[in-house]
Amino acid sequence: MKKILLAMSAAVALTACSGKQAEAPVAQDEPTSGLRIAYIEVDSLMSQYQFCKDYNLLLNQKGENAQKALADKQRALQSHANALQKKYESNGFTTRDELERAQNQLAREQQDLAELEQRLMGELANEQANLTAEMRDSIQAFLRTYNKSKKFDYILSRSGDNILMANPAFDITEEVVRGLNKRYKAKPDVTKATKSDKED
């Protein structure tokens, strides 16, 4: 699928990762609050976390394969329809019953193509949802360990302008990405897919 889908999923995943959400970031000059807040830049996480890069590549490959399969079926269906049209125009059907059977067959092929498209898009959507959940779990597991020593009250996700102002001193993105990448071990099927893509 498109890279945008995975980026949007990351924003959702990071929002879920942050646990309780503050209504607004607490200004750094309010020592009475006692809150410790940090944030993660979603765009940077998406571009640097190897999990995201690998699975984005994998989803793009699967999306391209699905589109190719559908295009091949569409071409075959169009070719069949053109052949039937030529046969009809040259009076190649000997009976009305033969013509109706050919039309019904073409209609079944069109229905099969529509069902195939629906099935392939459903499979991609399910895979996207599974990868989003896996990414969220990965980030949450890391942050639980990471925060044992850091003791932040809130870890927010920053994407676009959802946080209008933030002190860069509270940006823990680089440290989190480094830790996530250190823990990340690609599954064999992902390693194989990403390796074959790099060789192409």
C-alpha atoms as a PDB file:
ATOM      1  CA  MET A   1       0.000   0.000   0.000  1.00  0.00           C
ATOM      2  CA  LYS A   2       0.972   3.601  -0.028  1.00  0.00           C
ATOM      3  CA  LYS A   3       3.551   5.016   2.358  1.00  0.00           C
ATOM      4  CA  ILE A   4       0.920   7.437   3.668  1.00  0.00           C
ATOM      5  CA  LEU A   5      -1.087   4.566   5.168  1.00  0.00           C
ATOM      6  CA  LEU A   6       1.829   3.386   7.266  1.00  0.00           C
ATOM      7  CA  ALA A   7       2.656   6.949   8.323  1.00  0.00           C
ATOM      8  CA  MET A   8      -0.935   7.490   9.464  1.00  0.00           C
ATOM      9  CA  SER A   9      -0.809   4.172  11.303  1.00  0.00           C
ATOM     10  CA  ALA A  10       2.349   5.295  13.076  1.00  0.00           C
ATOM     11  CA  ALA A  11       0.642   8.426  14.310  1.00  0.00           C
ATOM     12  CA  VAL A  12      -2.220   6.303  15.657  1.00  0.00           C
ATOM     13  CA  ALA A  13       0.221   3.834  17.194  1.00  0.00           C
ATOM     14  CA  LEU A  14       2.246   6.535  18.890  1.00  0.00           C
ATOM     15  CA  THR A  15      -0.877   8.190  20.247  1.00  0.00           C
ATOM     16  CA  ALA A  16      -1.802   4.848  21.786  1.00  0.00           C
ATOM     17  CA  CYS A  17       1.748   4.429  23.074  1.00  0.00           C
ATOM     18  CA  SER A  18       1.720   7.642  25.014  1.00  0.00           C
ATOM     19  CA  GLY A  19      -0.865   6.310  27.461  1.00  0.00           C
ATOM     20  CA  LYS A  20      -2.605   9.168  29.221  1.00  0.00           C
ATOM     21  CA  GLN A  21      -2.581  12.292  27.078  1.00  0.00           C
ATOM     22  CA  ALA A  22      -2.055  15.758  28.481  1.00  0.00           C
ATOM     23  CA  GLU A  23      -4.473  18.368  27.187  1.00  0.00           C
ATOM     24  CA  ALA A  24      -1.534  20.657  26.411  1.00  0.00           C
ATOM     25  CA  PRO A  25       2.202  20.456  26.986  1.00  0.00           C
ATOM     26  CA  VAL A  26       3.256  21.931  30.297  1.00  0.00           C
ATOM     27  CA  ALA A  27       5.560  24.898  29.873  1.00  0.00           C
ATOM     28  CA  GLN A  28       9.113  24.280  31.039  1.00  0.00           C
ATOM     29  CA  ASP A  29       9.032  27.246  33.427  1.00  0.00           C
ATOM     30  CA  GLU A  30       6.302  25.749  35.635  1.00  0.00           C
ATOM     31  CA  PRO A  31       8.312  23.831  38.216  1.00  0.00           C
ATOM     32  CA  THR A  32       5.291  23.518  40.525  1.00  0.00           C
ATOM     33  CA  SER A  33       3.665  20.958  38.236  1.00  0.00           C
ATOM     34  CA  GLY A  34       6.448  18.439  38.723  1.00  0.00           C
ATOM     35  CA  LEU A  35       5.517  16.713  35.467  1.00  0.00           C
ATOM     36  CA  ARG A  36       8.195  15.189  33.273  1.00  0.00           C
ATOM     37  CA  ILE A  37       7.159  15.296  29.627  1.00  0.00           C
ATOM     38  CA  ALA A  38       8.934  14.153  26.487  1.00  0.00           C
ATOM     39  CA  TYR A  39       7.836  13.808  22.887  1.00  0.00           C
ATOM     40  CA  ILE A  40       8.649  11.796  19.784  1.00  0.00           C
ATOM     41  CA  GLU A  41       8.585  13.176  16.239  1.00  0.00           C
ATOM     42  CA  VAL A  42       6.444  10.711  14.260  1.00  0.00           C
ATOM     43  CA  ASP A  43       7.918  11.615  10.852  1.00  0.00           C
ATOM     44  CA  SER A  44      11.453  11.025  12.086  1.00  0.00           C
ATOM     45  CA  LEU A  45      10.469   7.747  13.720  1.00  0.00           C
ATOM     46  CA  MET A  46       8.846   6.558  10.491  1.00  0.00           C
ATOM     47  CA  SER A  47      11.872   7.429   8.382  1.00  0.00           C
ATOM     48  CA  GLN A  48      14.492   6.017  10.768  1.00  0.00           C
ATOM     49  CA  TYR A  49      12.946   3.004  12.535  1.00  0.00           C
ATOM     50  CA  GLN A  50      14.012  -0.029  10.506  1.00  0.00           C
ATOM     51  CA  PHE A  51      10.756  -1.860  11.305  1.00  0.00           C
ATOM     52  CA  CYS A  52       8.798   0.896   9.547  1.00  0.00           C
ATOM     53  CA  LYS A  53      11.155   0.948   6.572  1.00  0.00           C
ATOM     54  CA  ASP A  54      11.077  -2.837   6.150  1.00  0.00           C
ATOM     55  CA  TYR A  55       7.329  -3.199   6.454  1.00  0.00           C
ATOM     56  CA  ASN A  56       6.641  -0.185   4.285  1.00  0.00           C
ATOM     57  CA  LEU A  57       8.747  -1.848   1.586  1.00  0.00           C
ATOM     58  CA  LEU A  58       6.975  -5.170   2.127  1.00  0.00           C
ATOM     59  CA  LEU A  59       3.511  -3.587   1.908  1.00  0.00           C
ATOM     60  CA  ASN A  60       4.498  -1.681  -1.228  1.00  0.00           C
ATOM     61  CA  GLN A  61       5.692  -4.935  -2.841  1.00  0.00           C
ATOM     62  CA  LYS A  62       2.459  -6.714  -1.935  1.00  0.00           C
ATOM     63  CA  GLY A  63       0.417  -3.768  -3.198  1.00  0.00           C
ATOM     64  CA  GLU A  64       2.301  -3.755  -6.498  1.00  0.00           C
ATOM     65  CA  ASN A  65       1.858  -7.542  -6.846  1.00  0.00           C
ATOM     66  CA  ALA A  66      -1.879  -7.190  -6.219  1.00  0.00           C
ATOM     67  CA  GLN A  67      -2.155  -4.385  -8.782  1.00  0.00           C
ATOM     68  CA  LYS A  68      -0.219  -6.463 -11.339  1.00  0.00           C
ATOM     69  CA  ALA A  69      -2.448  -9.503 -10.767  1.00  0.00           C
ATOM     70  CA  LEU A  70      -5.553  -7.353 -11.198  1.00  0.00           C
ATOM     71  CA  ALA A  71      -4.170  -5.666 -14.324  1.00  0.00           C
ATOM     72  CA  ASP A  72      -3.361  -9.075 -15.869  1.00  0.00           C
ATOM     73  CA  LYS A  73      -6.893 -10.330 -15.159  1.00  0.00           C
ATOM     74  CA  GLN A  74      -8.373  -7.085 -16.519  1.00  0.00           C
ATOM     75  CA  ARG A  75      -6.390  -7.426 -19.760  1.00  0.00           C
ATOM     76  CA  ALA A  76      -7.500 -11.056 -20.157  1.00  0.00           C
ATOM     77  CA  LEU A  77     -11.120 -10.062 -19.546  1.00  0.00           C
ATOM     78  CA  GLN A  78     -10.892  -7.194 -22.046  1.00  0.00           C
ATOM     79  CA  SER A  79      -9.363  -9.520 -24.630  1.00  0.00           C
ATOM     80  CA  HIS A  80     -12.173 -12.022 -24.112  1.00  0.00           C
ATOM     81  CA  ALA A  81     -14.796  -9.268 -24.411  1.00  0.00           C
ATOM     82  CA  ASN A  82     -13.194  -8.008 -27.646  1.00  0.00           C
ATOM     83  CA  ALA A  83     -13.155 -11.544 -29.087  1.00  0.00           C
ATOM     84  CA  LEU A  84     -16.840 -12.010 -28.265  1.00  0.00           C
ATOM     85  CA  GLN A  85     -17.697  -8.661 -29.838  1.00  0.00           C
ATOM     86  CA  LYS A  86     -15.871  -9.590 -33.055  1.00  0.00           C
ATOM     87  CA  LYS A  87     -17.587 -12.953 -33.140  1.00  0.00           C
ATOM     88  CA  TYR A  88     -20.959 -11.282 -32.665  1.00  0.00           C
ATOM     89  CA  GLU A  89     -20.298  -8.691 -35.388  1.00  0.00           C
ATOM     90  CA  SER A  90     -19.235 -11.396 -37.847  1.00  0.00           C
ATOM     91  CA  ASN A  91     -22.338 -13.484 -37.051  1.00  0.00           C
ATOM     92  CA  GLY A  92     -20.166 -16.172 -35.473  1.00  0.00           C
ATOM     93  CA  PHE A  93     -22.850 -17.256 -32.997  1.00  0.00           C
ATOM     94  CA  THR A  94     -25.090 -19.862 -34.588  1.00  0.00           C
ATOM     95  CA  THR A  95     -27.912 -19.627 -32.017  1.00  0.00           C
ATOM     96  CA  ARG A  96     -29.246 -17.081 -29.559  1.00  0.00           C
ATOM     97  CA  ASP A  97     -28.608 -19.621 -26.792  1.00  0.00           C
ATOM     98  CA  GLU A  98     -24.902 -19.770 -27.703  1.00  0.00           C
ATOM     99  CA  LEU A  99     -24.692 -15.943 -27.556  1.00  0.00           C
ATOM    100  CA  GLU A 100     -26.389 -15.856 -24.146  1.00  0.00           C
ATOM    101  CA  ARG A 101     -24.009 -18.512 -22.772  1.00  0.00           C
ATOM    102  CA  ALA A 102     -21.023 -16.460 -23.962  1.00  0.00           C
ATOM    103  CA  GLN A 103     -22.464 -13.288 -22.399  1.00  0.00           C
ATOM    104  CA  ASN A 104     -23.133 -15.099 -19.112  1.00  0.00           C
ATOM    105  CA  GLN A 105     -19.573 -16.433 -19.097  1.00  0.00           C
ATOM    106  CA  LEU A 106     -18.226 -12.921 -19.620  1.00  0.00           C
ATOM    107  CA  ALA A 107     -20.432 -11.620 -16.795  1.00  0.00           C
ATOM    108  CA  ARG A 108     -19.091 -14.361 -14.477  1.00  0.00           C
ATOM    109  CA  GLU A 109     -15.525 -13.399 -15.363  1.00  0.00           C
ATOM    110  CA  GLN A 110     -16.301  -9.755 -14.563  1.00  0.00           C
ATOM    111  CA  GLN A 111     -17.781 -10.820 -11.220  1.00  0.00           C
ATOM    112  CA  ASP A 112     -14.712 -12.972 -10.504  1.00  0.00           C
ATOM    113  CA  LEU A 113     -12.456  -9.986 -11.207  1.00  0.00           C
ATOM    114  CA  ALA A 114     -14.478  -7.770  -8.841  1.00  0.00           C
ATOM    115  CA  GLU A 115     -14.307 -10.446  -6.121  1.00  0.00           C
ATOM    116  CA  LEU A 116     -10.561 -10.887  -6.632  1.00  0.00           C
ATOM    117  CA  GLU A 117     -10.027  -7.131  -6.296  1.00  0.00           C
ATOM    118  CA  GLN A 118     -12.114  -7.051  -3.114  1.00  0.00           C
ATOM    119  CA  ARG A 119     -10.239 -10.038  -1.662  1.00  0.00           C
ATOM    120  CA  LEU A 120      -6.771  -8.653  -2.460  1.00  0.00           C
ATOM    121  CA  MET A 121      -7.605  -5.207  -1.072  1.00  0.00           C
ATOM    122  CA  GLY A 122      -9.061  -6.856   2.044  1.00  0.00           C
ATOM    123  CA  GLU A 123      -5.899  -8.901   2.540  1.00  0.00           C
ATOM    124  CA  LEU A 124      -3.737  -5.774   2.213  1.00  0.00           C
ATOM    125  CA  ALA A 125      -5.954  -3.881   4.663  1.00  0.00           C
ATOM    126  CA  ASN A 126      -5.730  -6.764   7.162  1.00  0.00           C
ATOM    127  CA  GLU A 127      -1.968  -6.920   6.782  1.00  0.00           C
ATOM    128  CA  GLN A 128      -1.766  -3.159   7.290  1.00  0.00           C
ATOM    129  CA  ALA A 129      -3.841  -3.452  10.479  1.00  0.00           C
ATOM    130  CA  ASN A 130      -1.679  -6.323  11.760  1.00  0.00           C
ATOM    131  CA  LEU A 131       1.531  -4.402  11.062  1.00  0.00           C
ATOM    132  CA  THR A 132       0.157  -1.309  12.786  1.00  0.00           C
ATOM    133  CA  ALA A 133      -0.676  -3.393  15.854  1.00  0.00           C
ATOM    134  CA  GLU A 134       2.764  -5.038  15.752  1.00  0.00           C
ATOM    135  CA  MET A 135       4.481  -1.662  15.452  1.00  0.00           C
ATOM    136  CA  ARG A 136       2.412  -0.245  18.327  1.00  0.00           C
ATOM    137  CA  ASP A 137       3.278  -3.243  20.504  1.00  0.00           C
ATOM    138  CA  SER A 138       6.953  -2.901  19.601  1.00  0.00           C
ATOM    139  CA  ILE A 139       7.042   0.789  20.498  1.00  0.00           C
ATOM    140  CA  GLN A 140       5.035   0.317  23.696  1.00  0.00           C
ATOM    141  CA  ALA A 141       7.266  -2.535  24.854  1.00  0.00           C
ATOM    142  CA  PHE A 142      10.375  -0.450  24.236  1.00  0.00           C
ATOM    143  CA  LEU A 143       8.942   2.634  25.942  1.00  0.00           C
ATOM    144  CA  ARG A 144       7.969   0.630  29.039  1.00  0.00           C
ATOM    145  CA  THR A 145      11.581  -0.486  29.414  1.00  0.00           C
ATOM    146  CA  TYR A 146      13.018   2.876  28.400  1.00  0.00           C
ATOM    147  CA  ASN A 147      10.842   4.791  30.866  1.00  0.00           C
ATOM    148  CA  LYS A 148      11.888   2.693  33.876  1.00  0.00           C
ATOM    149  CA  SER A 149      15.007   4.827  34.129  1.00  0.00           C
ATOM    150  CA  LYS A 150      13.740   8.030  32.473  1.00  0.00           C
ATOM    151  CA  LYS A 151      10.557   8.263  34.588  1.00  0.00           C
ATOM    152  CA  PHE A 152       8.564  10.508  32.251  1.00  0.00           C
ATOM    153  CA  ASP A 153       4.960  11.192  33.224  1.00  0.00           C
ATOM    154  CA  TYR A 154       3.970  11.654  29.595  1.00  0.00           C
ATOM    155  CA  ILE A 155       5.555  10.707  26.291  1.00  0.00           C
ATOM    156  CA  LEU A 156       3.656  12.476  23.533  1.00  0.00           C
ATOM    157  CA  SER A 157       3.664  11.906  19.802  1.00  0.00           C
ATOM    158  CA  ARG A 158       4.286  14.961  17.668  1.00  0.00           C
ATOM    159  CA  SER A 159       2.947  14.821  14.148  1.00  0.00           C
ATOM    160  CA  GLY A 160       2.320  17.901  12.055  1.00  0.00           C
ATOM    161  CA  ASP A 161       1.017  20.659  14.287  1.00  0.00           C
ATOM    162  CA  ASN A 162      -0.764  18.571  16.929  1.00  0.00           C
ATOM    163  CA  ILE A 163       1.680  20.133  19.423  1.00  0.00           C
ATOM    164  CA  LEU A 164       2.007  23.779  18.466  1.00  0.00           C
ATOM    165  CA  MET A 165       5.155  24.480  20.439  1.00  0.00           C
ATOM    166  CA  ALA A 166       7.687  22.191  22.080  1.00  0.00           C
ATOM    167  CA  ASN A 167      11.076  22.664  23.657  1.00  0.00           C
ATOM    168  CA  PRO A 168      13.598  20.620  21.615  1.00  0.00           C
ATOM    169  CA  ALA A 169      15.242  19.615  24.892  1.00  0.00           C
ATOM    170  CA  PHE A 170      12.258  17.284  25.471  1.00  0.00           C
ATOM    171  CA  ASP A 171      12.587  15.605  22.056  1.00  0.00           C
ATOM    172  CA  ILE A 172      13.602  11.982  22.708  1.00  0.00           C
ATOM    173  CA  THR A 173      13.065  10.770  19.124  1.00  0.00           C
ATOM    174  CA  GLU A 174      16.701  10.032  18.306  1.00  0.00           C
ATOM    175  CA  GLU A 175      17.259   8.126  21.530  1.00  0.00           C
ATOM    176  CA  VAL A 176      14.049   6.118  21.075  1.00  0.00           C
ATOM    177  CA  VAL A 177      14.798   5.305  17.419  1.00  0.00           C
ATOM    178  CA  ARG A 178      18.311   4.187  18.362  1.00  0.00           C
ATOM    179  CA  GLY A 179      16.891   1.893  21.063  1.00  0.00           C
ATOM    180  CA  LEU A 180      14.132   0.527  18.811  1.00  0.00           C
ATOM    181  CA  ASN A 181      16.581  -0.253  16.008  1.00  0.00           C
ATOM    182  CA  LYS A 182      18.933  -1.961  18.448  1.00  0.00           C
ATOM    183  CA  ARG A 183      16.105  -4.274  19.570  1.00  0.00           C
ATOM    184  CA  TYR A 184      14.618  -4.845  16.122  1.00  0.00           C
ATOM    185  CA  LYS A 185      15.164  -8.221  14.483  1.00  0.00           C
ATOM    186  CA  ALA A 186      13.561  -8.623  11.070  1.00  0.00           C
ATOM    187  CA  LYS A 187      11.559 -11.800  10.478  1.00  0.00           C
ATOM    188  CA  PRO A 188      12.990 -14.137   7.818  1.00  0.00           C
ATOM    189  CA  ASP A 189      10.246 -13.368   5.257  1.00  0.00           C
ATOM    190  CA  VAL A 190      10.833  -9.632   5.700  1.00  0.00           C
ATOM    191  CA  THR A 191      14.603 -10.030   5.369  1.00  0.00           C
ATOM    192  CA  LYS A 192      14.121 -12.069   2.189  1.00  0.00           C
ATOM    193  CA  ALA A 193      11.684  -9.556   0.676  1.00  0.00           C
ATOM    194  CA  THR A 194      13.795  -6.502   1.488  1.00  0.00           C
ATOM    195  CA  LYS A 195      16.961  -8.226   0.258  1.00  0.00           C
ATOM    196  CA  SER A 196      15.382  -9.168  -3.093  1.00  0.00           C
ATOM    197  CA  ASP A 197      14.095  -5.594  -3.507  1.00  0.00           C
ATOM    198  CA  LYS A 198      17.566  -4.151  -2.947  1.00  0.00           C
ATOM    199  CA  GLU A 199      19.022  -6.522  -5.545  1.00  0.00           C
ATOM    200  CA  ASP A 200      16.477  -5.422  -8.213  1.00  0.00           C
END
